[in-house]
Amino acid sequence: MEKTWKPMVAGILAIIAGVALVVIGPEILALPGRILAFPFIRSLASTAFAVGAVFVILGIIAIVGGIYALKRRSWGLALAGSICALPAGFLLGILAIIFVIMGRDEFDEFE
């Protein structure tokens, strides 16, 4: 099977989006400490904590999926990583998903 650029680009996009999520997640996690000074916003503290934690988890999955896409190993994990990249940047995530799907035949489990 001829190796094309599609899984490689999908992996790079997923990794970029994953890194963005891992960087943004802790900032959102720290947000409750910053907003507790404002009593009318205290109800948002637990929501901000949950969103930050989810962003970090999605970012880690996106990075791992991007690495698997670069290695052309597990198509399912590469697709899951691309899907988890969606919150970081909708365009990055959509392009990563499209390129993983288009390069499906290049992954080891489908040869």
N, C-alpha and C. Protein backbone atom coordinates (compact mmCIF):
# COMPACT_ATOMS: atom_id res chain seq x y z
N MET A 1 0.84 -1.19 0.00
CA MET A 1 0.00 0.00 0.00
C MET A 1 0.88 1.24 0.00
N GLU A 2 0.55 2.15 -0.84
CA GLU A 2 1.29 3.40 -0.94
C GLU A 2 0.94 4.30 0.25
N LYS A 3 1.99 4.87 0.85
CA LYS A 3 1.77 5.78 1.98
C LYS A 3 1.56 7.19 1.45
N THR A 4 0.47 7.81 1.89
CA THR A 4 0.15 9.17 1.46
C THR A 4 0.34 10.13 2.63
N TRP A 5 0.04 11.37 2.40
CA TRP A 5 0.21 12.42 3.39
C TRP A 5 -0.96 12.52 4.36
N LYS A 6 -2.06 11.87 4.06
CA LYS A 6 -3.29 12.08 4.84
C LYS A 6 -3.17 11.70 6.32
N PRO A 7 -2.70 10.49 6.67
CA PRO A 7 -2.59 10.17 8.10
C PRO A 7 -1.56 11.05 8.82
N MET A 8 -0.51 11.43 8.10
CA MET A 8 0.50 12.27 8.72
C MET A 8 -0.07 13.65 9.06
N VAL A 9 -0.80 14.24 8.13
CA VAL A 9 -1.40 15.56 8.38
C VAL A 9 -2.47 15.44 9.47
N ALA A 10 -3.24 14.38 9.45
CA ALA A 10 -4.26 14.18 10.49
C ALA A 10 -3.60 14.07 11.86
N GLY A 11 -2.50 13.35 11.95
CA GLY A 11 -1.78 13.22 13.21
C GLY A 11 -1.24 14.55 13.70
N ILE A 12 -0.66 15.32 12.80
CA ILE A 12 -0.12 16.63 13.18
C ILE A 12 -1.24 17.55 13.67
N LEU A 13 -2.37 17.57 12.96
CA LEU A 13 -3.49 18.42 13.37
C LEU A 13 -4.04 17.99 14.73
N ALA A 14 -4.15 16.67 14.95
CA ALA A 14 -4.66 16.18 16.23
C ALA A 14 -3.70 16.52 17.36
N ILE A 15 -2.40 16.42 17.10
CA ILE A 15 -1.42 16.75 18.14
C ILE A 15 -1.46 18.24 18.47
N ILE A 16 -1.55 19.08 17.46
CA ILE A 16 -1.63 20.53 17.70
C ILE A 16 -2.88 20.86 18.53
N ALA A 17 -4.00 20.28 18.15
CA ALA A 17 -5.24 20.54 18.90
C ALA A 17 -5.14 19.97 20.32
N GLY A 18 -4.53 18.80 20.47
CA GLY A 18 -4.36 18.20 21.79
C GLY A 18 -3.49 19.04 22.70
N VAL A 19 -2.41 19.57 22.17
CA VAL A 19 -1.54 20.43 22.96
C VAL A 19 -2.30 21.69 23.38
N ALA A 20 -3.09 22.24 22.47
CA ALA A 20 -3.89 23.42 22.82
C ALA A 20 -4.86 23.10 23.96
N LEU A 21 -5.48 21.94 23.91
CA LEU A 21 -6.42 21.56 24.98
C LEU A 21 -5.69 21.35 26.30
N VAL A 22 -4.51 20.74 26.24
CA VAL A 22 -3.76 20.50 27.48
C VAL A 22 -3.25 21.81 28.07
N VAL A 23 -3.00 22.80 27.25
CA VAL A 23 -2.57 24.11 27.75
C VAL A 23 -3.76 24.92 28.27
N ILE A 24 -4.88 24.86 27.59
CA ILE A 24 -6.06 25.63 27.99
C ILE A 24 -6.74 25.01 29.21
N GLY A 25 -6.74 23.69 29.32
CA GLY A 25 -7.40 23.00 30.42
C GLY A 25 -6.98 23.47 31.80
N PRO A 26 -5.67 23.51 32.10
CA PRO A 26 -5.27 23.99 33.43
C PRO A 26 -5.64 25.45 33.70
N GLU A 27 -5.67 26.25 32.64
CA GLU A 27 -6.10 27.64 32.82
C GLU A 27 -7.56 27.68 33.27
N ILE A 28 -8.37 26.84 32.69
CA ILE A 28 -9.78 26.78 33.09
C ILE A 28 -9.90 26.17 34.48
N LEU A 29 -9.03 25.18 34.79
CA LEU A 29 -9.04 24.59 36.13
C LEU A 29 -8.70 25.63 37.20
N ALA A 30 -7.83 26.57 36.88
CA ALA A 30 -7.44 27.61 37.83
C ALA A 30 -8.47 28.72 37.94
N LEU A 31 -9.42 28.74 37.03
CA LEU A 31 -10.42 29.81 37.01
C LEU A 31 -11.24 29.90 38.30
N PRO A 32 -11.65 28.79 38.92
CA PRO A 32 -12.45 28.95 40.15
C PRO A 32 -11.73 29.74 41.24
N GLY A 33 -10.42 29.58 41.36
CA GLY A 33 -9.69 30.35 42.35
C GLY A 33 -9.71 31.84 42.07
N ARG A 34 -9.80 32.18 40.82
CA ARG A 34 -9.83 33.59 40.43
C ARG A 34 -11.21 34.22 40.59
N ILE A 35 -12.26 33.42 40.40
CA ILE A 35 -13.60 34.00 40.42
C ILE A 35 -14.29 33.91 41.77
N LEU A 36 -13.65 33.26 42.75
CA LEU A 36 -14.29 33.17 44.06
C LEU A 36 -14.40 34.52 44.75
N ALA A 37 -13.65 35.50 44.28
CA ALA A 37 -13.74 36.84 44.86
C ALA A 37 -15.07 37.51 44.50
N PHE A 38 -15.72 37.01 43.48
CA PHE A 38 -16.99 37.58 43.04
C PHE A 38 -18.13 36.65 43.46
N PRO A 39 -18.89 37.02 44.48
CA PRO A 39 -19.91 36.11 45.00
C PRO A 39 -21.00 35.75 44.00
N PHE A 40 -21.29 36.62 43.06
CA PHE A 40 -22.37 36.32 42.11
C PHE A 40 -21.92 35.34 41.03
N ILE A 41 -20.65 35.00 40.98
CA ILE A 41 -20.17 34.05 39.96
C ILE A 41 -19.73 32.73 40.59
N ARG A 42 -19.87 32.55 41.88
CA ARG A 42 -19.39 31.35 42.55
C ARG A 42 -20.02 30.07 42.02
N SER A 43 -21.20 30.17 41.50
CA SER A 43 -21.86 28.96 40.98
C SER A 43 -21.15 28.42 39.75
N LEU A 44 -20.35 29.24 39.09
CA LEU A 44 -19.61 28.79 37.91
C LEU A 44 -18.34 28.04 38.26
N ALA A 45 -17.93 28.06 39.51
CA ALA A 45 -16.65 27.46 39.90
C ALA A 45 -16.60 25.97 39.61
N SER A 46 -17.62 25.23 39.99
CA SER A 46 -17.60 23.78 39.76
C SER A 46 -17.72 23.46 38.27
N THR A 47 -18.46 24.27 37.55
CA THR A 47 -18.58 24.06 36.11
C THR A 47 -17.24 24.30 35.42
N ALA A 48 -16.54 25.34 35.81
CA ALA A 48 -15.23 25.64 35.23
C ALA A 48 -14.25 24.52 35.55
N PHE A 49 -14.31 23.99 36.76
CA PHE A 49 -13.42 22.89 37.13
C PHE A 49 -13.69 21.66 36.26
N ALA A 50 -14.96 21.33 36.06
CA ALA A 50 -15.31 20.17 35.25
C ALA A 50 -14.89 20.34 33.79
N VAL A 51 -15.12 21.52 33.24
CA VAL A 51 -14.75 21.78 31.85
C VAL A 51 -13.24 21.71 31.68
N GLY A 52 -12.49 22.26 32.61
CA GLY A 52 -11.04 22.22 32.54
C GLY A 52 -10.51 20.79 32.59
N ALA A 53 -11.08 19.98 33.47
CA ALA A 53 -10.66 18.58 33.57
C ALA A 53 -10.97 17.82 32.29
N VAL A 54 -12.13 18.05 31.71
CA VAL A 54 -12.51 17.39 30.46
C VAL A 54 -11.57 17.82 29.33
N PHE A 55 -11.22 19.09 29.27
CA PHE A 55 -10.30 19.56 28.23
C PHE A 55 -8.94 18.88 28.34
N VAL A 56 -8.43 18.71 29.56
CA VAL A 56 -7.14 18.04 29.73
C VAL A 56 -7.22 16.59 29.27
N ILE A 57 -8.28 15.90 29.64
CA ILE A 57 -8.44 14.49 29.24
C ILE A 57 -8.58 14.38 27.72
N LEU A 58 -9.40 15.22 27.11
CA LEU A 58 -9.55 15.20 25.66
C LEU A 58 -8.24 15.53 24.95
N GLY A 59 -7.48 16.44 25.52
CA GLY A 59 -6.19 16.81 24.94
C GLY A 59 -5.22 15.65 24.96
N ILE A 60 -5.18 14.91 26.04
CA ILE A 60 -4.29 13.75 26.13
C ILE A 60 -4.69 12.69 25.11
N ILE A 61 -5.99 12.43 24.99
CA ILE A 61 -6.46 11.45 24.00
C ILE A 61 -6.14 11.92 22.59
N ALA A 62 -6.29 13.21 22.32
CA ALA A 62 -5.98 13.75 20.99
C ALA A 62 -4.50 13.60 20.67
N ILE A 63 -3.63 13.84 21.63
CA ILE A 63 -2.20 13.69 21.40
C ILE A 63 -1.84 12.24 21.13
N VAL A 64 -2.36 11.33 21.94
CA VAL A 64 -2.08 9.89 21.74
C VAL A 64 -2.63 9.43 20.39
N GLY A 65 -3.84 9.85 20.05
CA GLY A 65 -4.41 9.50 18.74
C GLY A 65 -3.61 10.07 17.59
N GLY A 66 -3.09 11.28 17.77
CA GLY A 66 -2.25 11.88 16.73
C GLY A 66 -0.96 11.12 16.54
N ILE A 67 -0.37 10.64 17.63
CA ILE A 67 0.85 9.84 17.53
C ILE A 67 0.57 8.54 16.80
N TYR A 68 -0.55 7.91 17.10
CA TYR A 68 -0.91 6.67 16.41
C TYR A 68 -1.21 6.91 14.94
N ALA A 69 -1.76 8.07 14.62
CA ALA A 69 -2.00 8.40 13.21
C ALA A 69 -0.68 8.60 12.48
N LEU A 70 0.29 9.24 13.13
CA LEU A 70 1.60 9.41 12.51
C LEU A 70 2.29 8.07 12.26
N LYS A 71 2.11 7.14 13.19
CA LYS A 71 2.72 5.81 13.05
C LYS A 71 1.89 4.88 12.16
N ARG A 72 0.66 5.31 11.84
CA ARG A 72 -0.28 4.51 11.05
C ARG A 72 -0.54 3.15 11.72
N ARG A 73 -0.78 3.17 13.04
CA ARG A 73 -0.97 1.94 13.79
C ARG A 73 -2.44 1.57 13.98
N SER A 74 -3.10 2.22 14.89
CA SER A 74 -4.47 1.88 15.25
C SER A 74 -5.43 2.92 14.67
N TRP A 75 -6.21 2.51 13.68
CA TRP A 75 -7.11 3.45 13.04
C TRP A 75 -8.17 3.96 14.01
N GLY A 76 -8.68 3.07 14.83
CA GLY A 76 -9.72 3.46 15.79
C GLY A 76 -9.22 4.49 16.79
N LEU A 77 -8.01 4.30 17.30
CA LEU A 77 -7.46 5.26 18.25
C LEU A 77 -7.12 6.58 17.56
N ALA A 78 -6.64 6.49 16.32
CA ALA A 78 -6.37 7.72 15.58
C ALA A 78 -7.65 8.50 15.32
N LEU A 79 -8.73 7.80 15.02
CA LEU A 79 -10.02 8.46 14.81
C LEU A 79 -10.54 9.05 16.11
N ALA A 80 -10.40 8.32 17.22
CA ALA A 80 -10.84 8.83 18.52
C ALA A 80 -10.05 10.09 18.89
N GLY A 81 -8.75 10.09 18.62
CA GLY A 81 -7.95 11.27 18.89
C GLY A 81 -8.37 12.46 18.05
N SER A 82 -8.73 12.19 16.81
CA SER A 82 -9.18 13.28 15.93
C SER A 82 -10.52 13.84 16.41
N ILE A 83 -11.38 12.97 16.87
CA ILE A 83 -12.68 13.42 17.39
C ILE A 83 -12.48 14.24 18.67
N CYS A 84 -11.55 13.80 19.52
CA CYS A 84 -11.29 14.54 20.76
C CYS A 84 -10.61 15.88 20.49
N ALA A 85 -10.09 16.08 19.29
CA ALA A 85 -9.45 17.35 18.93
C ALA A 85 -10.48 18.42 18.58
N LEU A 86 -11.72 18.06 18.41
CA LEU A 86 -12.76 19.02 18.01
C LEU A 86 -12.90 20.23 18.94
N PRO A 87 -12.90 20.08 20.27
CA PRO A 87 -13.10 21.27 21.10
C PRO A 87 -11.99 22.31 20.99
N ALA A 88 -10.79 21.91 20.61
CA ALA A 88 -9.68 22.87 20.52
C ALA A 88 -9.84 23.80 19.33
N GLY A 89 -10.30 23.27 18.27
CA GLY A 89 -10.50 24.06 17.07
C GLY A 89 -11.35 23.24 16.12
N PHE A 90 -12.53 23.71 15.85
CA PHE A 90 -13.46 22.92 15.06
C PHE A 90 -12.86 22.55 13.71
N LEU A 91 -12.21 23.48 13.05
CA LEU A 91 -11.62 23.22 11.75
C LEU A 91 -10.48 22.20 11.85
N LEU A 92 -9.63 22.33 12.87
CA LEU A 92 -8.56 21.35 13.06
C LEU A 92 -9.13 19.95 13.26
N GLY A 93 -10.13 19.84 14.10
CA GLY A 93 -10.73 18.55 14.38
C GLY A 93 -11.41 17.95 13.17
N ILE A 94 -12.17 18.74 12.45
CA ILE A 94 -12.87 18.24 11.26
C ILE A 94 -11.87 17.77 10.21
N LEU A 95 -10.82 18.56 9.97
CA LEU A 95 -9.82 18.16 8.98
C LEU A 95 -9.10 16.89 9.43
N ALA A 96 -8.77 16.79 10.71
CA ALA A 96 -8.11 15.58 11.21
C ALA A 96 -9.01 14.36 11.03
N ILE A 97 -10.29 14.50 11.31
CA ILE A 97 -11.23 13.38 11.13
C ILE A 97 -11.30 12.98 9.66
N ILE A 98 -11.43 13.96 8.79
CA ILE A 98 -11.54 13.67 7.35
C ILE A 98 -10.29 12.95 6.85
N PHE A 99 -9.10 13.44 7.25
CA PHE A 99 -7.86 12.83 6.76
C PHE A 99 -7.65 11.43 7.33
N VAL A 100 -8.06 11.19 8.57
CA VAL A 100 -7.94 9.83 9.14
C VAL A 100 -8.87 8.89 8.39
N ILE A 101 -10.08 9.33 8.11
CA ILE A 101 -11.03 8.47 7.39
C ILE A 101 -10.54 8.21 5.97
N MET A 102 -10.01 9.24 5.31
CA MET A 102 -9.52 9.06 3.94
C MET A 102 -8.29 8.15 3.88
N GLY A 103 -7.49 8.13 4.93
CA GLY A 103 -6.30 7.29 4.95
C GLY A 103 -6.49 5.97 5.67
N ARG A 104 -7.71 5.53 5.83
CA ARG A 104 -8.01 4.31 6.60
C ARG A 104 -7.25 3.09 6.10
N ASP A 105 -7.09 2.94 4.82
CA ASP A 105 -6.44 1.75 4.25
C ASP A 105 -4.94 1.69 4.57
N GLU A 106 -4.35 2.78 5.00
CA GLU A 106 -2.92 2.82 5.28
C GLU A 106 -2.55 2.35 6.69
N PHE A 107 -3.53 2.15 7.54
CA PHE A 107 -3.26 1.73 8.92
C PHE A 107 -3.03 0.23 8.96
N ASP A 108 -2.21 -0.21 9.92
CA ASP A 108 -1.78 -1.62 10.02
C ASP A 108 -2.95 -2.59 10.15
N GLU A 109 -3.96 -2.24 10.90
CA GLU A 109 -5.04 -3.19 11.14
C GLU A 109 -5.94 -3.42 9.93
N PHE A 110 -5.74 -2.62 8.86
CA PHE A 110 -6.58 -2.78 7.66
C PHE A 110 -5.78 -3.28 6.47
N GLU A 111 -4.52 -3.67 6.68
CA GLU A 111 -3.72 -4.17 5.55
C GLU A 111 -3.99 -5.64 5.32
